Amino acid sequence: MDNIYFWVIFNVFVLGLLILDLFVLNKKTQTVSVKSALWWSAFWIGLAVAFNIFVYWWKGKNAAFEFLTGYLLEESLSVDNLFVFMLIFNYFRVPAEYQRKVLFWGIIGALVLRAFFIVVGVSLINQFHWMGFILGGFLIFTGAKMALEKDEEINPEKNPIILLVNKFLRVTKNYHGSDFFTRINGQLYATPLFIVVLVVETTDVVFAVDSIPAILAVSKDPFIVYTSNVFALLGLRSLYFALAGIMQLFHYINYGLSLILVFIGIKLVGDSGGWFEIDMKYALMIVAGILTLSILFSIWFPKKEEDHNDEEPKDESVEANENK
């Protein structure tokens, strides 16, 4: 079963679920309620748990621990994505009813890009043993940097992909419903919604640089690495709408994620050097414990009122090139 046919079946199944979600169950353009988002989050998490049981039956206990650790790791690292998505939507003033569609296409692109990164990453580690030291060191550095640096400002207008698009495509100033493209006086224009999708896609590439080395530290099995990534991404959209209103409360999450990255980096270096090996069940407990504590600390020690006044979103929109 561990062959090309399984990969085709698995990806068709995932794509089918996404199409069912967007075009059948949620075909109407509407704002996603917190209640609906919570139900969908529960569905995706339940599906991941069911798949984990399948992994246990098929590949054994250690593989099941690897999948669950990888899934939890990727899901926790996705919290950073949620903050950035919120900033992007605020910056471009994306109407709430169109955000679901943007995230749908963003996740489709992320699945393709991450599959590529995973194949390359697994091949490099299998071929060059010393890559484990480089990836481990990178994770430790990234974790320390995340803990010490303040949040970087998001500047979508400086995104190189957006600058490139503006050179070759006319872009309207205003949204045209949920359309990515429209025609004005017989000429094709991209809409700001298309630009937002590109920003989300290119932002995910940045996140993949951190998350793929992290999951490779948990498992070298492409099946485990890919499927845990997929299930984390599948639940990301619903998680965004479920937590959008309260994400700012979890101000200690970044410190928790930085500790997780440092721990995973140390684990990868230890495994690569043959100096020590951390059992996967203990690694799972440590990752889950750090994540839980960061959430609890955020609740026990909330930000001072003056600290979490968010900046007003910029009153800017994508400049049109209608005279081209």
Protein backbone atom coordinates (compact mmCIF):
# COMPACT_ATOMS: atom_id res chain seq x y z
CA MET A 1 0.00 0.00 0.00
CA ASP A 2 2.97 2.30 0.62
CA ASN A 3 3.30 3.20 -3.06
CA ILE A 4 2.25 5.71 -5.69
CA TYR A 5 -1.35 4.46 -5.62
CA PHE A 6 -1.71 5.34 -1.95
CA TRP A 7 -0.40 8.87 -2.54
CA VAL A 8 -2.84 9.39 -5.42
CA ILE A 9 -5.79 8.06 -3.38
CA PHE A 10 -4.85 10.13 -0.33
CA ASN A 11 -4.51 13.39 -2.31
CA VAL A 12 -7.74 12.79 -4.24
CA PHE A 13 -9.48 12.17 -0.91
CA VAL A 14 -8.11 15.42 0.56
CA LEU A 15 -8.95 17.43 -2.55
CA GLY A 16 -12.45 15.93 -2.51
CA LEU A 17 -12.96 17.05 1.09
CA LEU A 18 -11.86 20.60 0.27
CA ILE A 19 -14.12 20.79 -2.79
CA LEU A 20 -17.04 19.39 -0.76
CA ASP A 21 -16.38 22.01 1.92
CA LEU A 22 -16.18 25.02 -0.42
CA PHE A 23 -18.54 24.20 -3.30
CA VAL A 24 -21.22 22.04 -1.66
CA LEU A 25 -21.47 22.53 2.10
CA ASN A 26 -20.43 26.19 2.03
CA LYS A 27 -21.23 27.26 -1.51
CA LYS A 28 -22.92 30.47 -0.42
CA THR A 29 -20.69 33.50 0.09
CA GLN A 30 -21.24 34.38 3.73
CA THR A 31 -19.41 35.26 6.91
CA VAL A 32 -18.25 32.18 8.83
CA SER A 33 -19.76 32.10 12.33
CA VAL A 34 -17.69 31.07 15.34
CA LYS A 35 -20.11 28.18 15.99
CA SER A 36 -19.70 26.85 12.43
CA ALA A 37 -15.92 27.26 12.62
CA LEU A 38 -15.78 25.33 15.90
CA TRP A 39 -17.80 22.47 14.41
CA TRP A 40 -15.52 22.33 11.36
CA SER A 41 -12.44 22.49 13.58
CA ALA A 42 -13.78 19.55 15.57
CA PHE A 43 -14.42 17.67 12.31
CA TRP A 44 -10.86 18.19 10.99
CA ILE A 45 -9.29 17.32 14.35
CA GLY A 46 -11.47 14.21 14.58
CA LEU A 47 -10.43 13.22 11.06
CA ALA A 48 -6.75 13.60 12.03
CA VAL A 49 -7.29 11.44 15.13
CA ALA A 50 -9.04 8.78 13.02
CA PHE A 51 -6.16 8.83 10.55
CA ASN A 52 -3.72 8.50 13.43
CA ILE A 53 -5.53 5.32 14.52
CA PHE A 54 -5.16 4.06 10.95
CA VAL A 55 -1.41 4.83 11.08
CA TYR A 56 -1.15 2.87 14.35
CA TRP A 57 -2.89 -0.12 12.75
CA TRP A 58 -0.82 0.07 9.54
CA LYS A 59 2.66 1.19 10.62
CA GLY A 60 2.76 0.58 14.36
CA LYS A 61 3.05 2.49 17.62
CA ASN A 62 6.18 4.54 16.84
CA ALA A 63 4.80 5.77 13.52
CA ALA A 64 1.56 6.77 15.27
CA PHE A 65 3.55 8.75 17.86
CA GLU A 66 5.51 10.41 15.04
CA PHE A 67 2.32 11.37 13.21
CA LEU A 68 0.65 12.76 16.33
CA THR A 69 3.78 14.71 17.35
CA GLY A 70 4.18 16.06 13.81
CA TYR A 71 0.51 17.01 13.61
CA LEU A 72 0.59 18.80 16.97
CA LEU A 73 3.85 20.52 16.05
CA GLU A 74 2.56 21.74 12.68
CA GLU A 75 -0.78 22.80 14.17
CA SER A 76 0.94 24.82 16.89
CA LEU A 77 3.33 26.46 14.41
CA SER A 78 0.27 27.34 12.33
CA VAL A 79 -0.80 29.76 15.07
CA ASP A 80 1.78 32.18 13.64
CA ASN A 81 0.06 31.83 10.27
CA LEU A 82 -3.25 32.80 11.86
CA PHE A 83 -1.85 36.06 13.23
CA VAL A 84 -0.37 36.94 9.84
CA PHE A 85 -3.59 36.05 7.98
CA MET A 86 -5.45 38.42 10.30
CA LEU A 87 -2.97 41.23 9.56
CA ILE A 88 -3.17 40.60 5.80
CA PHE A 89 -6.98 40.63 5.80
CA ASN A 90 -7.01 43.84 7.86
CA TYR A 91 -4.42 45.49 5.62
CA PHE A 92 -6.36 44.75 2.41
CA ARG A 93 -9.73 45.20 4.14
CA VAL A 94 -10.94 41.85 2.83
CA PRO A 95 -14.71 41.50 3.44
CA ALA A 96 -15.40 38.71 5.95
CA GLU A 97 -17.55 36.77 3.48
CA TYR A 98 -14.62 36.41 1.02
CA GLN A 99 -11.98 35.29 3.53
CA ARG A 100 -13.04 31.62 3.35
CA LYS A 101 -12.39 31.51 -0.41
CA VAL A 102 -8.98 33.18 -0.02
CA LEU A 103 -7.91 30.66 2.62
CA PHE A 104 -9.22 27.76 0.52
CA TRP A 105 -6.97 28.63 -2.43
CA GLY A 106 -4.16 29.52 -0.06
CA ILE A 107 -4.30 26.03 1.44
CA ILE A 108 -4.41 24.38 -2.01
CA GLY A 109 -1.22 26.21 -2.95
CA ALA A 110 0.37 25.42 0.41
CA LEU A 111 -0.28 21.69 -0.06
CA VAL A 112 1.56 21.73 -3.40
CA LEU A 113 4.48 23.83 -2.15
CA ARG A 114 4.96 21.83 1.04
CA ALA A 115 4.85 18.53 -0.84
CA PHE A 116 7.76 19.82 -2.94
CA PHE A 117 9.71 21.02 0.13
CA ILE A 118 9.14 17.70 1.92
CA VAL A 119 10.38 15.60 -1.02
CA VAL A 120 13.49 17.78 -1.32
CA GLY A 121 14.09 17.83 2.45
CA VAL A 122 13.75 14.07 2.92
CA SER A 123 16.02 13.43 -0.08
CA LEU A 124 18.71 15.78 1.27
CA ILE A 125 18.68 14.27 4.76
CA ASN A 126 18.78 10.71 3.41
CA GLN A 127 21.61 11.53 1.01
CA PHE A 128 23.64 13.90 3.21
CA HIS A 129 23.72 12.91 6.88
CA TRP A 130 25.28 16.23 7.91
CA MET A 131 22.15 18.08 6.76
CA GLY A 132 20.62 17.05 10.10
CA PHE A 133 23.12 19.28 11.93
CA ILE A 134 22.35 22.23 9.64
CA LEU A 135 18.58 21.88 9.99
CA GLY A 136 18.86 21.35 13.75
CA GLY A 137 21.05 24.42 14.14
CA PHE A 138 18.65 26.42 11.98
CA LEU A 139 15.71 25.46 14.21
CA ILE A 140 17.60 26.42 17.38
CA PHE A 141 18.56 29.77 15.80
CA THR A 142 14.98 30.39 14.60
CA GLY A 143 13.53 29.53 18.01
CA ALA A 144 15.93 31.89 19.81
CA LYS A 145 15.25 34.64 17.27
CA MET A 146 11.48 34.22 17.69
CA ALA A 147 11.78 34.62 21.48
CA LEU A 148 14.11 37.65 21.40
CA GLU A 149 12.72 39.70 18.55
CA LYS A 150 9.50 41.66 18.48
CA ASP A 151 6.88 40.94 15.84
CA GLU A 152 7.99 42.15 12.45
CA GLU A 153 5.73 44.55 10.59
CA ILE A 154 3.91 43.05 7.64
CA ASN A 155 4.38 45.12 4.47
CA PRO A 156 2.41 43.42 1.68
CA GLU A 157 3.11 46.26 -0.73
CA LYS A 158 6.82 45.32 -0.59
CA ASN A 159 6.13 41.67 -1.41
CA PRO A 160 8.22 40.92 -4.56
CA ILE A 161 5.45 38.78 -6.08
CA ILE A 162 2.99 41.65 -5.73
CA LEU A 163 5.44 44.11 -7.27
CA LEU A 164 5.88 41.69 -10.18
CA VAL A 165 2.13 41.24 -10.66
CA ASN A 166 1.57 45.00 -10.71
CA LYS A 167 4.06 45.26 -13.58
CA PHE A 168 2.26 42.77 -15.81
CA LEU A 169 -1.39 42.91 -14.73
CA ARG A 170 -3.94 45.67 -14.39
CA VAL A 171 -5.39 45.62 -10.88
CA THR A 172 -8.70 47.20 -9.89
CA LYS A 173 -8.96 49.45 -6.87
CA ASN A 174 -12.10 47.80 -5.54
CA TYR A 175 -13.31 44.23 -4.95
CA HIS A 176 -15.62 42.72 -7.55
CA GLY A 177 -17.55 40.27 -5.41
CA SER A 178 -15.59 37.06 -4.88
CA ASP A 179 -14.01 37.19 -8.36
CA PHE A 180 -10.25 37.04 -8.82
CA PHE A 181 -10.47 38.58 -12.31
CA THR A 182 -12.89 40.87 -14.08
CA ARG A 183 -13.24 42.63 -17.43
CA ILE A 184 -13.54 46.41 -17.74
CA ASN A 185 -14.11 47.89 -21.20
CA GLY A 186 -13.10 44.53 -22.69
CA GLN A 187 -9.77 44.44 -20.84
CA LEU A 188 -8.83 41.83 -18.23
CA TYR A 189 -8.11 43.09 -14.70
CA ALA A 190 -7.03 41.25 -11.57
CA THR A 191 -8.96 42.15 -8.43
CA PRO A 192 -7.47 42.85 -4.98
CA LEU A 193 -8.78 39.42 -3.90
CA PHE A 194 -6.34 37.76 -6.30
CA ILE A 195 -3.53 39.86 -4.83
CA VAL A 196 -4.49 38.75 -1.32
CA VAL A 197 -4.30 35.07 -2.39
CA LEU A 198 -0.79 35.66 -3.74
CA VAL A 199 0.26 37.33 -0.48
CA VAL A 200 -1.11 34.39 1.53
CA GLU A 201 0.69 31.90 -0.76
CA THR A 202 4.06 33.64 -0.58
CA THR A 203 3.72 34.11 3.18
CA ASP A 204 3.23 30.35 3.57
CA VAL A 205 6.55 29.77 1.81
CA VAL A 206 8.21 31.72 4.63
CA PHE A 207 6.43 29.62 7.25
CA ALA A 208 7.34 26.41 5.46
CA VAL A 209 11.02 27.30 5.88
CA ASP A 210 10.52 26.86 9.64
CA SER A 211 7.89 24.12 9.77
CA ILE A 212 9.35 21.63 7.28
CA PRO A 213 12.74 21.31 9.07
CA ALA A 214 10.79 20.96 12.35
CA ILE A 215 8.68 18.06 11.10
CA LEU A 216 11.75 16.43 9.51
CA ALA A 217 13.27 16.38 13.00
CA VAL A 218 10.31 14.28 14.15
CA SER A 219 10.26 11.78 11.29
CA LYS A 220 12.17 10.96 8.11
CA ASP A 221 9.23 8.98 6.71
CA PRO A 222 7.76 11.02 3.80
CA PHE A 223 4.34 9.48 4.53
CA ILE A 224 4.34 10.75 8.13
CA VAL A 225 5.82 14.13 7.26
CA TYR A 226 3.41 14.83 4.41
CA THR A 227 0.19 13.56 5.97
CA SER A 228 0.74 15.34 9.31
CA ASN A 229 1.35 18.56 7.34
CA VAL A 230 -1.78 18.02 5.28
CA PHE A 231 -4.05 17.45 8.28
CA ALA A 232 -2.63 20.50 10.06
CA LEU A 233 -3.30 22.63 6.96
CA LEU A 234 -6.81 21.22 6.52
CA GLY A 235 -7.82 22.45 9.97
CA LEU A 236 -6.07 25.79 9.62
CA ARG A 237 -8.92 27.59 7.86
CA SER A 238 -11.59 26.64 10.40
CA LEU A 239 -9.17 27.35 13.24
CA TYR A 240 -8.67 30.86 11.91
CA PHE A 241 -12.39 31.68 12.02
CA ALA A 242 -12.79 29.98 15.41
CA LEU A 243 -9.94 31.93 17.02
CA ALA A 244 -9.93 35.20 15.03
CA GLY A 245 -11.61 37.13 17.82
CA ILE A 246 -9.39 35.89 20.65
CA MET A 247 -5.98 35.28 19.04
CA GLN A 248 -4.57 38.48 20.52
CA LEU A 249 -5.12 37.02 24.00
CA PHE A 250 -2.53 34.27 23.42
CA HIS A 251 0.46 36.59 23.77
CA TYR A 252 2.74 33.89 25.23
CA ILE A 253 2.24 31.53 22.27
CA ASN A 254 5.33 32.88 20.47
CA TYR A 255 7.52 32.06 23.46
CA GLY A 256 6.05 28.56 23.57
CA LEU A 257 6.68 28.08 19.85
CA SER A 258 10.26 29.31 20.23
CA LEU A 259 10.88 26.74 22.99
CA ILE A 260 9.34 24.02 20.83
CA LEU A 261 11.60 24.90 17.89
CA VAL A 262 14.70 24.94 20.11
CA PHE A 263 13.74 21.57 21.62
CA ILE A 264 13.08 20.01 18.20
CA GLY A 265 16.38 21.44 16.91
CA ILE A 266 18.30 19.92 19.86
CA LYS A 267 16.54 16.61 19.24
CA LEU A 268 17.53 16.64 15.56
CA VAL A 269 21.18 17.47 16.34
CA GLY A 270 21.30 14.73 19.00
CA ASP A 271 19.79 12.17 16.62
CA SER A 272 22.11 13.16 13.76
CA GLY A 273 25.22 12.93 15.90
CA GLY A 274 24.15 9.72 17.60
CA TRP A 275 24.79 11.41 20.97
CA PHE A 276 21.33 10.90 22.44
CA GLU A 277 17.87 9.93 21.27
CA ILE A 278 14.61 11.22 22.73
CA ASP A 279 11.82 8.68 22.62
CA MET A 280 8.94 9.90 20.46
CA LYS A 281 6.35 9.55 23.23
CA TYR A 282 8.41 11.86 25.46
CA ALA A 283 8.90 14.29 22.59
CA LEU A 284 5.11 14.35 22.12
CA MET A 285 4.60 15.02 25.83
CA ILE A 286 7.15 17.86 25.84
CA VAL A 287 5.68 19.57 22.75
CA ALA A 288 2.12 19.25 24.11
CA GLY A 289 3.24 20.44 27.55
CA ILE A 290 5.02 23.56 26.25
CA LEU A 291 2.05 24.47 24.05
CA THR A 292 -0.43 23.98 26.92
CA LEU A 293 1.65 26.03 29.35
CA SER A 294 2.02 28.91 26.87
CA ILE A 295 -1.78 29.03 26.51
CA LEU A 296 -2.34 28.81 30.28
CA PHE A 297 0.22 31.54 30.98
CA SER A 298 -1.56 33.76 28.44
CA ILE A 299 -4.80 33.25 30.39
CA TRP A 300 -3.25 33.60 33.86
CA PHE A 301 -1.15 36.67 32.99
CA PRO A 302 -3.13 38.69 30.41
CA LYS A 303 -1.62 41.62 28.58
CA LYS A 304 -2.05 45.04 30.14
CA GLU A 305 -4.85 46.99 28.53
CA GLU A 306 -2.54 49.59 26.97
CA ASP A 307 -0.37 46.86 25.42
CA HIS A 308 -2.93 45.24 23.21
CA ASN A 309 -4.38 48.17 21.37
CA ASP A 310 -3.94 47.12 17.80
CA GLU A 311 -2.79 49.55 15.19
CA GLU A 312 -5.49 50.84 12.90
CA PRO A 313 -5.37 49.06 9.56
CA LYS A 314 -3.79 51.12 6.88
CA ASP A 315 -6.25 52.92 4.66
CA GLU A 316 -4.55 51.69 1.54
CA SER A 317 -5.69 49.52 -1.30
CA VAL A 318 -4.01 47.93 -4.24
CA GLU A 319 -3.23 50.65 -6.72
CA ALA A 320 -4.91 50.29 -10.06
CA ASN A 321 -3.06 50.34 -13.31
CA GLU A 322 -6.17 51.05 -15.32
CA ASN A 323 -4.43 53.35 -17.77
CA LYS A 324 -2.13 50.59 -19.02
